[in-house]
Amino acid sequence: MPKTVNARKYLWAVGAFTLIGVMGGYAYYFFIGCQTGGCTITSNPYMSMAWGGAVGYLLPDFFVKKDKNDNQEQNENP
C-alpha cells in the first residue's frame, strides 16, 4: 500500500525519482552501452537518459500517492 503524502512531497518524490532515473540511464549507457552503434536506445546517451527519466517519472506511484484532500483544502482557503 503506497504512503499518502501532500502535493509538495509528492512532487519532490516524482522529481527525485526522475533525476535518479536520468542518472541511471546515463550509467547504463556508460557502463553497458552498445558496441556496434546499432542499438536504438543505448547507442545514444540522450536516449538512454530519456528512457531512464521516463521510468523514474512513472515509478513513484508504487511508493507514494498524492493526498486528494490536500487540493480541496487549498481551494477552500485562498
C-alpha atoms as a PDB file:
ATOM      1  CA  MET A   1       0.000   0.000   0.000  1.00  0.00           C
ATOM      2  CA  PRO A   2       1.556   3.348  -1.048  1.00  0.00           C
ATOM      3  CA  LYS A   3       2.011   6.062   1.541  1.00  0.00           C
ATOM      4  CA  THR A   4      -0.276   9.106   1.118  1.00  0.00           C
ATOM      5  CA  VAL A   5       1.545  12.463   1.159  1.00  0.00           C
ATOM      6  CA  ASN A   6       0.653  16.082   0.424  1.00  0.00           C
ATOM      7  CA  ALA A   7       1.148  17.598  -3.028  1.00  0.00           C
ATOM      8  CA  ARG A   8       4.523  19.194  -2.274  1.00  0.00           C
ATOM      9  CA  LYS A   9       6.092  15.960  -1.019  1.00  0.00           C
ATOM     10  CA  TYR A  10       4.601  14.076  -3.968  1.00  0.00           C
ATOM     11  CA  LEU A  11       6.237  16.482  -6.435  1.00  0.00           C
ATOM     12  CA  TRP A  12       9.556  16.132  -4.614  1.00  0.00           C
ATOM     13  CA  ALA A  13       9.283  12.358  -4.856  1.00  0.00           C
ATOM     14  CA  VAL A  14       8.487  12.484  -8.577  1.00  0.00           C
ATOM     15  CA  GLY A  15      11.387  14.877  -9.198  1.00  0.00           C
ATOM     16  CA  ALA A  16      13.835  12.785  -7.192  1.00  0.00           C
ATOM     17  CA  PHE A  17      12.828   9.539  -8.901  1.00  0.00           C
ATOM     18  CA  THR A  18      13.050  11.209 -12.322  1.00  0.00           C
ATOM     19  CA  LEU A  19      16.527  12.552 -11.577  1.00  0.00           C
ATOM     20  CA  ILE A  20      17.669   9.140 -10.335  1.00  0.00           C
ATOM     21  CA  GLY A  21      16.208   7.593 -13.499  1.00  0.00           C
ATOM     22  CA  VAL A  22      18.114  10.023 -15.720  1.00  0.00           C
ATOM     23  CA  MET A  23      21.349   9.270 -13.882  1.00  0.00           C
ATOM     24  CA  GLY A  24      20.619   5.546 -14.118  1.00  0.00           C
ATOM     25  CA  GLY A  25      20.005   5.846 -17.847  1.00  0.00           C
ATOM     26  CA  TYR A  26      23.342   7.567 -18.335  1.00  0.00           C
ATOM     27  CA  ALA A  27      25.085   4.971 -16.165  1.00  0.00           C
ATOM     28  CA  TYR A  28      23.542   2.219 -18.294  1.00  0.00           C
ATOM     29  CA  TYR A  29      24.826   3.932 -21.455  1.00  0.00           C
ATOM     30  CA  PHE A  30      28.284   4.479 -19.953  1.00  0.00           C
ATOM     31  CA  PHE A  31      28.879   1.055 -18.413  1.00  0.00           C
ATOM     32  CA  ILE A  32      26.871  -1.236 -20.706  1.00  0.00           C
ATOM     33  CA  GLY A  33      26.120   0.797 -23.825  1.00  0.00           C
ATOM     34  CA  CYS A  34      26.200  -0.567 -27.347  1.00  0.00           C
ATOM     35  CA  GLN A  35      29.420  -1.631 -29.033  1.00  0.00           C
ATOM     36  CA  THR A  36      28.085  -1.706 -32.610  1.00  0.00           C
ATOM     37  CA  GLY A  37      26.118   1.566 -32.599  1.00  0.00           C
ATOM     38  CA  GLY A  38      23.035  -0.197 -33.937  1.00  0.00           C
ATOM     39  CA  CYS A  39      21.124  -0.199 -30.665  1.00  0.00           C
ATOM     40  CA  THR A  40      18.431   2.447 -30.765  1.00  0.00           C
ATOM     41  CA  ILE A  41      18.331   3.321 -27.080  1.00  0.00           C
ATOM     42  CA  THR A  42      21.771   2.507 -25.706  1.00  0.00           C
ATOM     43  CA  SER A  43      23.897   3.873 -28.557  1.00  0.00           C
ATOM     44  CA  ASN A  44      22.922   7.454 -27.708  1.00  0.00           C
ATOM     45  CA  PRO A  45      23.339   8.859 -24.163  1.00  0.00           C
ATOM     46  CA  TYR A  46      20.369  11.200 -24.583  1.00  0.00           C
ATOM     47  CA  MET A  47      18.019   8.362 -25.479  1.00  0.00           C
ATOM     48  CA  SER A  48      19.245   6.300 -22.531  1.00  0.00           C
ATOM     49  CA  MET A  49      18.739   9.268 -20.215  1.00  0.00           C
ATOM     50  CA  ALA A  50      15.260   9.953 -21.640  1.00  0.00           C
ATOM     51  CA  TRP A  51      14.130   6.360 -21.121  1.00  0.00           C
ATOM     52  CA  GLY A  52      15.628   6.278 -17.636  1.00  0.00           C
ATOM     53  CA  GLY A  53      13.860   9.540 -16.788  1.00  0.00           C
ATOM     54  CA  ALA A  54      10.545   8.215 -18.105  1.00  0.00           C
ATOM     55  CA  VAL A  55      10.816   5.103 -15.963  1.00  0.00           C
ATOM     56  CA  GLY A  56      11.828   7.233 -12.989  1.00  0.00           C
ATOM     57  CA  TYR A  57       8.835   9.507 -13.573  1.00  0.00           C
ATOM     58  CA  LEU A  58       6.396   6.586 -13.551  1.00  0.00           C
ATOM     59  CA  LEU A  59       7.929   4.675 -10.638  1.00  0.00           C
ATOM     60  CA  PRO A  60       6.943   6.857  -7.607  1.00  0.00           C
ATOM     61  CA  ASP A  61       3.288   5.827  -7.812  1.00  0.00           C
ATOM     62  CA  PHE A  62       4.270   2.444  -6.396  1.00  0.00           C
ATOM     63  CA  PHE A  63       5.552   4.121  -3.232  1.00  0.00           C
ATOM     64  CA  VAL A  64       3.633   7.392  -2.678  1.00  0.00           C
ATOM     65  CA  LYS A  65       0.200   8.736  -3.600  1.00  0.00           C
ATOM     66  CA  LYS A  66      -0.924  12.350  -3.586  1.00  0.00           C
ATOM     67  CA  ASP A  67      -3.473  13.176  -0.896  1.00  0.00           C
ATOM     68  CA  LYS A  68      -6.740  14.076  -2.657  1.00  0.00           C
ATOM     69  CA  ASN A  69      -7.982  16.125   0.312  1.00  0.00           C
ATOM     70  CA  ASP A  70      -4.911  18.388   0.124  1.00  0.00           C
ATOM     71  CA  ASN A  71      -6.104  20.067  -3.098  1.00  0.00           C
ATOM     72  CA  GLN A  72      -9.627  20.585  -1.753  1.00  0.00           C
ATOM     73  CA  GLU A  73      -8.307  22.299   1.394  1.00  0.00           C
ATOM     74  CA  GLN A  74      -6.137  24.655  -0.684  1.00  0.00           C
ATOM     75  CA  ASN A  75      -9.099  25.604  -2.900  1.00  0.00           C
ATOM     76  CA  GLU A  76     -11.308  26.375   0.106  1.00  0.00           C
ATOM     77  CA  ASN A  77      -8.747  28.556   1.912  1.00  0.00           C
ATOM     78  CA  PRO A  78      -7.316  31.145  -0.517  1.00  0.00           C
END
